[in-house]
Amino acid sequence: MLIAAPAGTTVKAVADGSVVFAEWMTGYGMILIVDHGNGYMSLYAHNDALLRNAGDRVKRGDAVASVGNSGGQGRPGLYFELRRNGQPVNPNTWLQKR
């Protein structure tokens, strides 16, 4: 899902976990992936900057990146995806409006 947000907006982890990937990836731009256990991973892409490195532990609500348009969308926004065992799942139950 693409979430519109101004450039520089803080991106926060949706749940506790470990950062398993934090760098540039073609098609995603600056992407950060958090492993939450039980086969769940969250992906945060199109970022301007990554605030964590692979191997870092994060808690729900921790800042992990800042919104940008590094994925080639032409406008700032956060690409968010939730996967379980490698398959995309609906992330709405993990997201809370703040």
PDB file of N, CA and C in Angstrom:
ATOM      1  N   MET A   1       0.843  -1.160   0.000  1.00  0.00           N
ATOM      2  CA  MET A   1       0.000   0.000   0.000  1.00  0.00           C
ATOM      3  C   MET A   1       0.893   1.228   0.000  1.00  0.00           C
ATOM      4  N   LEU A   2       0.479   2.261  -0.737  1.00  0.00           N
ATOM      5  CA  LEU A   2       1.220   3.511  -0.781  1.00  0.00           C
ATOM      6  C   LEU A   2       0.482   4.519   0.080  1.00  0.00           C
ATOM      7  N   ILE A   3       1.173   5.036   1.086  1.00  0.00           N
ATOM      8  CA  ILE A   3       0.584   5.978   2.031  1.00  0.00           C
ATOM      9  C   ILE A   3       1.163   7.362   1.744  1.00  0.00           C
ATOM     10  N   ALA A   4       0.316   8.292   1.316  1.00  0.00           N
ATOM     11  CA  ALA A   4       0.773   9.652   1.029  1.00  0.00           C
ATOM     12  C   ALA A   4       1.222  10.327   2.318  1.00  0.00           C
ATOM     13  N   ALA A   5       2.368  10.985   2.261  1.00  0.00           N
ATOM     14  CA  ALA A   5       2.897  11.706   3.420  1.00  0.00           C
ATOM     15  C   ALA A   5       3.937  12.701   2.925  1.00  0.00           C
ATOM     16  N   PRO A   6       4.085  13.818   3.626  1.00  0.00           N
ATOM     17  CA  PRO A   6       5.104  14.786   3.231  1.00  0.00           C
ATOM     18  C   PRO A   6       6.519  14.212   3.375  1.00  0.00           C
ATOM     19  N   ALA A   7       7.405  14.628   2.488  1.00  0.00           N
ATOM     20  CA  ALA A   7       8.813  14.215   2.585  1.00  0.00           C
ATOM     21  C   ALA A   7       9.353  14.568   3.958  1.00  0.00           C
ATOM     22  N   GLY A   8      10.121  13.644   4.524  1.00  0.00           N
ATOM     23  CA  GLY A   8      10.735  13.865   5.824  1.00  0.00           C
ATOM     24  C   GLY A   8       9.914  13.375   6.998  1.00  0.00           C
ATOM     25  N   THR A   9       8.647  12.986   6.762  1.00  0.00           N
ATOM     26  CA  THR A   9       7.805  12.463   7.834  1.00  0.00           C
ATOM     27  C   THR A   9       8.446  11.211   8.427  1.00  0.00           C
ATOM     28  N   THR A  10       8.413  11.089   9.743  1.00  0.00           N
ATOM     29  CA  THR A  10       9.002   9.936  10.413  1.00  0.00           C
ATOM     30  C   THR A  10       8.183   8.677  10.152  1.00  0.00           C
ATOM     31  N   VAL A  11       8.871   7.601   9.784  1.00  0.00           N
ATOM     32  CA  VAL A  11       8.265   6.288   9.586  1.00  0.00           C
ATOM     33  C   VAL A  11       8.544   5.482  10.848  1.00  0.00           C
ATOM     34  N   LYS A  12       7.493   4.878  11.425  1.00  0.00           N
ATOM     35  CA  LYS A  12       7.647   4.134  12.674  1.00  0.00           C
ATOM     36  C   LYS A  12       7.351   2.658  12.471  1.00  0.00           C
ATOM     37  N   ALA A  13       8.055   1.821  13.210  1.00  0.00           N
ATOM     38  CA  ALA A  13       7.848   0.371  13.159  1.00  0.00           C
ATOM     39  C   ALA A  13       6.447   0.035  13.662  1.00  0.00           C
ATOM     40  N   VAL A  14       5.775  -0.901  12.981  1.00  0.00           N
ATOM     41  CA  VAL A  14       4.425  -1.289  13.387  1.00  0.00           C
ATOM     42  C   VAL A  14       4.417  -2.285  14.538  1.00  0.00           C
ATOM     43  N   ALA A  15       5.557  -2.940  14.791  1.00  0.00           N
ATOM     44  CA  ALA A  15       5.646  -3.932  15.868  1.00  0.00           C
ATOM     45  C   ALA A  15       7.116  -4.177  16.196  1.00  0.00           C
ATOM     46  N   ASP A  16       7.363  -4.802  17.333  1.00  0.00           N
ATOM     47  CA  ASP A  16       8.724  -5.161  17.733  1.00  0.00           C
ATOM     48  C   ASP A  16       9.329  -6.115  16.708  1.00  0.00           C
ATOM     49  N   GLY A  17      10.650  -6.035  16.551  1.00  0.00           N
ATOM     50  CA  GLY A  17      11.312  -6.968  15.656  1.00  0.00           C
ATOM     51  C   GLY A  17      12.766  -6.623  15.440  1.00  0.00           C
ATOM     52  N   SER A  18      13.363  -7.263  14.447  1.00  0.00           N
ATOM     53  CA  SER A  18      14.762  -7.052  14.081  1.00  0.00           C
ATOM     54  C   SER A  18      14.848  -6.611  12.627  1.00  0.00           C
ATOM     55  N   VAL A  19      15.658  -5.583  12.378  1.00  0.00           N
ATOM     56  CA  VAL A  19      15.880  -5.126  11.009  1.00  0.00           C
ATOM     57  C   VAL A  19      16.741  -6.171  10.302  1.00  0.00           C
ATOM     58  N   VAL A  20      16.245  -6.669   9.176  1.00  0.00           N
ATOM     59  CA  VAL A  20      16.988  -7.691   8.428  1.00  0.00           C
ATOM     60  C   VAL A  20      17.552  -7.148   7.117  1.00  0.00           C
ATOM     61  N   PHE A  21      17.072  -5.976   6.682  1.00  0.00           N
ATOM     62  CA  PHE A  21      17.566  -5.375   5.444  1.00  0.00           C
ATOM     63  C   PHE A  21      17.345  -3.874   5.534  1.00  0.00           C
ATOM     64  N   ALA A  22      18.371  -3.101   5.165  1.00  0.00           N
ATOM     65  CA  ALA A  22      18.262  -1.645   5.192  1.00  0.00           C
ATOM     66  C   ALA A  22      19.233  -1.053   4.184  1.00  0.00           C
ATOM     67  N   GLU A  23      18.775  -0.896   2.940  1.00  0.00           N
ATOM     68  CA  GLU A  23      19.589  -0.288   1.889  1.00  0.00           C
ATOM     69  C   GLU A  23      18.752  -0.089   0.645  1.00  0.00           C
ATOM     70  N   TRP A  24      19.387   0.320  -0.431  1.00  0.00           N
ATOM     71  CA  TRP A  24      18.716   0.554  -1.703  1.00  0.00           C
ATOM     72  C   TRP A  24      18.345  -0.769  -2.361  1.00  0.00           C
ATOM     73  N   MET A  25      17.139  -0.822  -2.970  1.00  0.00           N
ATOM     74  CA  MET A  25      16.718  -1.983  -3.757  1.00  0.00           C
ATOM     75  C   MET A  25      15.964  -1.459  -4.976  1.00  0.00           C
ATOM     76  N   THR A  26      16.336  -1.928  -6.138  1.00  0.00           N
ATOM     77  CA  THR A  26      15.685  -1.499  -7.369  1.00  0.00           C
ATOM     78  C   THR A  26      14.173  -1.699  -7.276  1.00  0.00           C
ATOM     79  N   GLY A  27      13.420  -0.678  -7.649  1.00  0.00           N
ATOM     80  CA  GLY A  27      11.967  -0.725  -7.611  1.00  0.00           C
ATOM     81  C   GLY A  27      11.368  -0.275  -6.296  1.00  0.00           C
ATOM     82  N   TYR A  28      12.160  -0.329  -5.226  1.00  0.00           N
ATOM     83  CA  TYR A  28      11.695   0.068  -3.900  1.00  0.00           C
ATOM     84  C   TYR A  28      12.416   1.303  -3.379  1.00  0.00           C
ATOM     85  N   GLY A  29      13.544   1.647  -3.969  1.00  0.00           N
ATOM     86  CA  GLY A  29      14.346   2.756  -3.453  1.00  0.00           C
ATOM     87  C   GLY A  29      14.972   2.365  -2.127  1.00  0.00           C
ATOM     88  N   MET A  30      15.048   3.320  -1.216  1.00  0.00           N
ATOM     89  CA  MET A  30      15.586   3.051   0.122  1.00  0.00           C
ATOM     90  C   MET A  30      14.535   2.261   0.897  1.00  0.00           C
ATOM     91  N   ILE A  31      14.869   1.004   1.208  1.00  0.00           N
ATOM     92  CA  ILE A  31      13.900   0.106   1.856  1.00  0.00           C
ATOM     93  C   ILE A  31      14.474  -0.462   3.143  1.00  0.00           C
ATOM     94  N   LEU A  32      13.589  -0.630   4.106  1.00  0.00           N
ATOM     95  CA  LEU A  32      13.946  -1.233   5.380  1.00  0.00           C
ATOM     96  C   LEU A  32      12.947  -2.362   5.630  1.00  0.00           C
ATOM     97  N   ILE A  33      13.441  -3.531   6.015  1.00  0.00           N
ATOM     98  CA  ILE A  33      12.585  -4.686   6.279  1.00  0.00           C
ATOM     99  C   ILE A  33      12.807  -5.134   7.719  1.00  0.00           C
ATOM    100  N   VAL A  34      11.694  -5.309   8.445  1.00  0.00           N
ATOM    101  CA  VAL A  34      11.743  -5.749   9.839  1.00  0.00           C
ATOM    102  C   VAL A  34      11.107  -7.134   9.948  1.00  0.00           C
ATOM    103  N   ASP A  35      11.832  -8.063  10.583  1.00  0.00           N
ATOM    104  CA  ASP A  35      11.324  -9.407  10.872  1.00  0.00           C
ATOM    105  C   ASP A  35      10.667  -9.362  12.244  1.00  0.00           C
ATOM    106  N   HIS A  36       9.369  -9.707  12.302  1.00  0.00           N
ATOM    107  CA  HIS A  36       8.609  -9.659  13.555  1.00  0.00           C
ATOM    108  C   HIS A  36       8.425 -11.040  14.179  1.00  0.00           C
ATOM    109  N   GLY A  37       8.975 -12.068  13.558  1.00  0.00           N
ATOM    110  CA  GLY A  37       8.796 -13.427  14.065  1.00  0.00           C
ATOM    111  C   GLY A  37       7.514 -14.052  13.529  1.00  0.00           C
ATOM    112  N   ASN A  38       7.341 -15.335  13.749  1.00  0.00           N
ATOM    113  CA  ASN A  38       6.172 -16.091  13.294  1.00  0.00           C
ATOM    114  C   ASN A  38       5.915 -15.922  11.800  1.00  0.00           C
ATOM    115  N   GLY A  39       6.989 -15.703  11.020  1.00  0.00           N
ATOM    116  CA  GLY A  39       6.865 -15.573   9.578  1.00  0.00           C
ATOM    117  C   GLY A  39       6.473 -14.197   9.080  1.00  0.00           C
ATOM    118  N   TYR A  40       6.249 -13.229   9.987  1.00  0.00           N
ATOM    119  CA  TYR A  40       5.822 -11.882   9.594  1.00  0.00           C
ATOM    120  C   TYR A  40       7.005 -10.951   9.373  1.00  0.00           C
ATOM    121  N   MET A  41       6.926 -10.184   8.279  1.00  0.00           N
ATOM    122  CA  MET A  41       7.905  -9.135   7.985  1.00  0.00           C
ATOM    123  C   MET A  41       7.155  -7.915   7.484  1.00  0.00           C
ATOM    124  N   SER A  42       7.633  -6.724   7.889  1.00  0.00           N
ATOM    125  CA  SER A  42       7.068  -5.482   7.361  1.00  0.00           C
ATOM    126  C   SER A  42       8.128  -4.795   6.510  1.00  0.00           C
ATOM    127  N   LEU A  43       7.667  -4.197   5.403  1.00  0.00           N
ATOM    128  CA  LEU A  43       8.555  -3.519   4.458  1.00  0.00           C
ATOM    129  C   LEU A  43       8.168  -2.048   4.410  1.00  0.00           C
ATOM    130  N   TYR A  44       9.165  -1.180   4.477  1.00  0.00           N
ATOM    131  CA  TYR A  44       8.974   0.269   4.435  1.00  0.00           C
ATOM    132  C   TYR A  44       9.867   0.786   3.315  1.00  0.00           C
ATOM    133  N   ALA A  45       9.267   1.285   2.214  1.00  0.00           N
ATOM    134  CA  ALA A  45      10.064   1.643   1.045  1.00  0.00           C
ATOM    135  C   ALA A  45       9.756   3.051   0.542  1.00  0.00           C
ATOM    136  N   HIS A  46      10.552   3.490  -0.443  1.00  0.00           N
ATOM    137  CA  HIS A  46      10.506   4.822  -1.062  1.00  0.00           C
ATOM    138  C   HIS A  46      10.990   5.896  -0.085  1.00  0.00           C
ATOM    139  N   ASN A  47      11.784   5.504   0.890  1.00  0.00           N
ATOM    140  CA  ASN A  47      12.240   6.431   1.931  1.00  0.00           C
ATOM    141  C   ASN A  47      13.317   7.390   1.432  1.00  0.00           C
ATOM    142  N   ASP A  48      13.424   8.506   2.140  1.00  0.00           N
ATOM    143  CA  ASP A  48      14.486   9.477   1.893  1.00  0.00           C
ATOM    144  C   ASP A  48      15.742   9.080   2.658  1.00  0.00           C
ATOM    145  N   ALA A  49      15.538   8.556   3.880  1.00  0.00           N
ATOM    146  CA  ALA A  49      16.666   8.140   4.725  1.00  0.00           C
ATOM    147  C   ALA A  49      16.249   6.945   5.576  1.00  0.00           C
ATOM    148  N   LEU A  50      17.217   6.085   5.857  1.00  0.00           N
ATOM    149  CA  LEU A  50      16.999   4.948   6.751  1.00  0.00           C
ATOM    150  C   LEU A  50      17.679   5.258   8.075  1.00  0.00           C
ATOM    151  N   LEU A  51      16.965   5.067   9.173  1.00  0.00           N
ATOM    152  CA  LEU A  51      17.470   5.428  10.500  1.00  0.00           C
ATOM    153  C   LEU A  51      17.974   4.232  11.289  1.00  0.00           C
ATOM    154  N   ARG A  52      17.846   3.045  10.732  1.00  0.00           N
ATOM    155  CA  ARG A  52      18.306   1.814  11.388  1.00  0.00           C
ATOM    156  C   ARG A  52      19.140   1.009  10.409  1.00  0.00           C
ATOM    157  N   ASN A  53      19.925   0.091  10.958  1.00  0.00           N
ATOM    158  CA  ASN A  53      20.776  -0.785  10.160  1.00  0.00           C
ATOM    159  C   ASN A  53      20.363  -2.232  10.357  1.00  0.00           C
ATOM    160  N   ALA A  54      20.707  -3.078   9.395  1.00  0.00           N
ATOM    161  CA  ALA A  54      20.455  -4.511   9.547  1.00  0.00           C
ATOM    162  C   ALA A  54      21.086  -4.990  10.848  1.00  0.00           C
ATOM    163  N   GLY A  55      20.326  -5.775  11.602  1.00  0.00           N
ATOM    164  CA  GLY A  55      20.787  -6.283  12.890  1.00  0.00           C
ATOM    165  C   GLY A  55      20.241  -5.502  14.078  1.00  0.00           C
ATOM    166  N   ASP A  56      19.737  -4.281  13.836  1.00  0.00           N
ATOM    167  CA  ASP A  56      19.174  -3.472  14.932  1.00  0.00           C
ATOM    168  C   ASP A  56      17.843  -4.058  15.390  1.00  0.00           C
ATOM    169  N   ARG A  57      17.598  -4.010  16.692  1.00  0.00           N
ATOM    170  CA  ARG A  57      16.297  -4.361  17.269  1.00  0.00           C
ATOM    171  C   ARG A  57      15.463  -3.090  17.312  1.00  0.00           C
ATOM    172  N   VAL A  58      14.161  -3.223  17.035  1.00  0.00           N
ATOM    173  CA  VAL A  58      13.245  -2.091  17.120  1.00  0.00           C
ATOM    174  C   VAL A  58      12.022  -2.486  17.927  1.00  0.00           C
ATOM    175  N   LYS A  59      11.435  -1.486  18.541  1.00  0.00           N
ATOM    176  CA  LYS A  59      10.180  -1.645  19.281  1.00  0.00           C
ATOM    177  C   LYS A  59       9.079  -0.968  18.490  1.00  0.00           C
ATOM    178  N   ARG A  60       7.847  -1.399  18.694  1.00  0.00           N
ATOM    179  CA  ARG A  60       6.717  -0.744  18.042  1.00  0.00           C
ATOM    180  C   ARG A  60       6.754   0.754  18.333  1.00  0.00           C
ATOM    181  N   GLY A  61       6.649   1.555  17.276  1.00  0.00           N
ATOM    182  CA  GLY A  61       6.658   3.004  17.419  1.00  0.00           C
ATOM    183  C   GLY A  61       8.023   3.645  17.270  1.00  0.00           C
ATOM    184  N   ASP A  62       9.095   2.843  17.226  1.00  0.00           N
ATOM    185  CA  ASP A  62      10.438   3.398  17.021  1.00  0.00           C
ATOM    186  C   ASP A  62      10.554   3.975  15.610  1.00  0.00           C
ATOM    187  N   ALA A  63      11.251   5.094  15.482  1.00  0.00           N
ATOM    188  CA  ALA A  63      11.535   5.683  14.171  1.00  0.00           C
ATOM    189  C   ALA A  63      12.503   4.771  13.424  1.00  0.00           C
ATOM    190  N   VAL A  64      12.169   4.436  12.165  1.00  0.00           N
ATOM    191  CA  VAL A  64      13.027   3.547  11.376  1.00  0.00           C
ATOM    192  C   VAL A  64      13.494   4.194  10.072  1.00  0.00           C
ATOM    193  N   ALA A  65      12.771   5.231   9.602  1.00  0.00           N
ATOM    194  CA  ALA A  65      13.104   5.870   8.325  1.00  0.00           C
ATOM    195  C   ALA A  65      12.393   7.210   8.240  1.00  0.00           C
ATOM    196  N   SER A  66      12.638   7.912   7.133  1.00  0.00           N
ATOM    197  CA  SER A  66      11.874   9.129   6.840  1.00  0.00           C
ATOM    198  C   SER A  66      11.338   9.035   5.415  1.00  0.00           C
ATOM    199  N   VAL A  67      10.110   9.494   5.237  1.00  0.00           N
ATOM    200  CA  VAL A  67       9.415   9.415   3.959  1.00  0.00           C
ATOM    201  C   VAL A  67      10.162  10.178   2.878  1.00  0.00           C
ATOM    202  N   GLY A  68      10.157   9.608   1.686  1.00  0.00           N
ATOM    203  CA  GLY A  68      10.765  10.265   0.542  1.00  0.00           C
ATOM    204  C   GLY A  68      10.087   9.824  -0.736  1.00  0.00           C
ATOM    205  N   ASN A  69      10.821   9.872  -1.833  1.00  0.00           N
ATOM    206  CA  ASN A  69      10.291   9.366  -3.103  1.00  0.00           C
ATOM    207  C   ASN A  69      11.375   8.608  -3.857  1.00  0.00           C
ATOM    208  N   SER A  70      12.218   7.900  -3.109  1.00  0.00           N
ATOM    209  CA  SER A  70      13.345   7.190  -3.707  1.00  0.00           C
ATOM    210  C   SER A  70      12.925   6.012  -4.582  1.00  0.00           C
ATOM    211  N   GLY A  71      11.675   5.597  -4.515  1.00  0.00           N
ATOM    212  CA  GLY A  71      11.227   4.462  -5.321  1.00  0.00           C
ATOM    213  C   GLY A  71      10.736   4.839  -6.696  1.00  0.00           C
ATOM    214  N   GLY A  72      10.849   6.118  -7.047  1.00  0.00           N
ATOM    215  CA  GLY A  72      10.474   6.551  -8.379  1.00  0.00           C
ATOM    216  C   GLY A  72       9.000   6.846  -8.573  1.00  0.00           C
ATOM    217  N   GLN A  73       8.278   7.102  -7.487  1.00  0.00           N
ATOM    218  CA  GLN A  73       6.851   7.394  -7.596  1.00  0.00           C
ATOM    219  C   GLN A  73       6.581   8.831  -8.077  1.00  0.00           C
ATOM    220  N   GLY A  74       7.575   9.700  -7.982  1.00  0.00           N
ATOM    221  CA  GLY A  74       7.406  11.074  -8.425  1.00  0.00           C
ATOM    222  C   GLY A  74       6.819  11.994  -7.383  1.00  0.00           C
ATOM    223  N   ARG A  75       6.354  11.435  -6.284  1.00  0.00           N
ATOM    224  CA  ARG A  75       5.864  12.254  -5.168  1.00  0.00           C
ATOM    225  C   ARG A  75       6.166  11.512  -3.871  1.00  0.00           C
ATOM    226  N   PRO A  76       6.336  12.242  -2.778  1.00  0.00           N
ATOM    227  CA  PRO A  76       6.665  11.582  -1.518  1.00  0.00           C
ATOM    228  C   PRO A  76       5.534  10.672  -1.041  1.00  0.00           C
ATOM    229  N   GLY A  77       5.919   9.582  -0.418  1.00  0.00           N
ATOM    230  CA  GLY A  77       4.967   8.649   0.163  1.00  0.00           C
ATOM    231  C   GLY A  77       5.706   7.438   0.701  1.00  0.00           C
ATOM    232  N   LEU A  78       5.040   6.721   1.567  1.00  0.00           N
ATOM    233  CA  LEU A  78       5.612   5.506   2.138  1.00  0.00           C
ATOM    234  C   LEU A  78       4.956   4.299   1.485  1.00  0.00           C
ATOM    235  N   TYR A  79       5.767   3.422   0.909  1.00  0.00           N
ATOM    236  CA  TYR A  79       5.258   2.140   0.441  1.00  0.00           C
ATOM    237  C   TYR A  79       5.374   1.191   1.628  1.00  0.00           C
ATOM    238  N   PHE A  80       4.242   0.637   2.077  1.00  0.00           N
ATOM    239  CA  PHE A  80       4.227  -0.276   3.216  1.00  0.00           C
ATOM    240  C   PHE A  80       3.651  -1.602   2.764  1.00  0.00           C
ATOM    241  N   GLU A  81       4.306  -2.667   3.187  1.00  0.00           N
ATOM    242  CA  GLU A  81       3.836  -4.010   2.856  1.00  0.00           C
ATOM    243  C   GLU A  81       4.058  -4.907   4.056  1.00  0.00           C
ATOM    244  N   LEU A  82       3.134  -5.811   4.272  1.00  0.00           N
ATOM    245  CA  LEU A  82       3.261  -6.820   5.321  1.00  0.00           C
ATOM    246  C   LEU A  82       3.237  -8.179   4.639  1.00  0.00           C
ATOM    247  N   ARG A  83       4.187  -9.035   5.023  1.00  0.00           N
ATOM    248  CA  ARG A  83       4.265 -10.382   4.445  1.00  0.00           C
ATOM    249  C   ARG A  83       4.285 -11.421   5.562  1.00  0.00           C
ATOM    250  N   ARG A  84       3.684 -12.566   5.254  1.00  0.00           N
ATOM    251  CA  ARG A  84       3.764 -13.717   6.156  1.00  0.00           C
ATOM    252  C   ARG A  84       4.241 -14.888   5.323  1.00  0.00           C
ATOM    253  N   ASN A  85       5.361 -15.470   5.750  1.00  0.00           N
ATOM    254  CA  ASN A  85       5.990 -16.573   5.020  1.00  0.00           C
ATOM    255  C   ASN A  85       6.208 -16.209   3.555  1.00  0.00           C
ATOM    256  N   GLY A  86       6.597 -14.961   3.320  1.00  0.00           N
ATOM    257  CA  GLY A  86       6.932 -14.499   1.985  1.00  0.00           C
ATOM    258  C   GLY A  86       5.760 -14.051   1.138  1.00  0.00           C
ATOM    259  N   GLN A  87       4.542 -14.229   1.607  1.00  0.00           N
ATOM    260  CA  GLN A  87       3.349 -13.864   0.845  1.00  0.00           C
ATOM    261  C   GLN A  87       2.733 -12.577   1.391  1.00  0.00           C
ATOM    262  N   PRO A  88       2.352 -11.641   0.508  1.00  0.00           N
ATOM    263  CA  PRO A  88       1.722 -10.404   0.975  1.00  0.00           C
ATOM    264  C   PRO A  88       0.395 -10.694   1.686  1.00  0.00           C
ATOM    265  N   VAL A  89       0.150  -9.972   2.778  1.00  0.00           N
ATOM    266  CA  VAL A  89      -1.123 -10.065   3.499  1.00  0.00           C
ATOM    267  C   VAL A  89      -1.653  -8.652   3.732  1.00  0.00           C
ATOM    268  N   ASN A  90      -2.949  -8.537   3.967  1.00  0.00           N
ATOM    269  CA  ASN A  90      -3.569  -7.246   4.214  1.00  0.00           C
ATOM    270  C   ASN A  90      -3.003  -6.654   5.504  1.00  0.00           C
ATOM    271  N   PRO A  91      -2.366  -5.478   5.423  1.00  0.00           N
ATOM    272  CA  PRO A  91      -1.716  -4.902   6.605  1.00  0.00           C
ATOM    273  C   PRO A  91      -2.640  -4.099   7.511  1.00  0.00           C
ATOM    274  N   ASN A  92      -3.908  -3.943   7.143  1.00  0.00           N
ATOM    275  CA  ASN A  92      -4.793  -3.042   7.898  1.00  0.00           C
ATOM    276  C   ASN A  92      -4.895  -3.391   9.379  1.00  0.00           C
ATOM    277  N   THR A  93      -4.838  -4.665   9.742  1.00  0.00           N
ATOM    278  CA  THR A  93      -4.963  -5.028  11.156  1.00  0.00           C
ATOM    279  C   THR A  93      -3.730  -4.616  11.958  1.00  0.00           C
ATOM    280  N   TRP A  94      -2.595  -4.383  11.285  1.00  0.00           N
ATOM    281  CA  TRP A  94      -1.369  -3.983  11.969  1.00  0.00           C
ATOM    282  C   TRP A  94      -1.215  -2.472  12.040  1.00  0.00           C
ATOM    283  N   LEU A  95      -1.989  -1.750  11.240  1.00  0.00           N
ATOM    284  CA  LEU A  95      -1.849  -0.299  11.181  1.00  0.00           C
ATOM    285  C   LEU A  95      -2.883   0.376  12.064  1.00  0.00           C
ATOM    286  N   GLN A  96      -2.453   1.408  12.759  1.00  0.00           N
ATOM    287  CA  GLN A  96      -3.353   2.197  13.591  1.00  0.00           C
ATOM    288  C   GLN A  96      -3.232   3.649  13.188  1.00  0.00           C
ATOM    289  N   LYS A  97      -4.361   4.308  12.987  1.00  0.00           N
ATOM    290  CA  LYS A  97      -4.317   5.738  12.666  1.00  0.00           C
ATOM    291  C   LYS A  97      -3.910   6.499  13.914  1.00  0.00           C
ATOM    292  N   ARG A  98      -2.977   7.425  13.757  1.00  0.00           N
ATOM    293  CA  ARG A  98      -2.479   8.215  14.894  1.00  0.00           C
ATOM    294  C   ARG A  98      -2.740   9.674  14.659  1.00  0.00           C
TER     295      ARG A  98
END
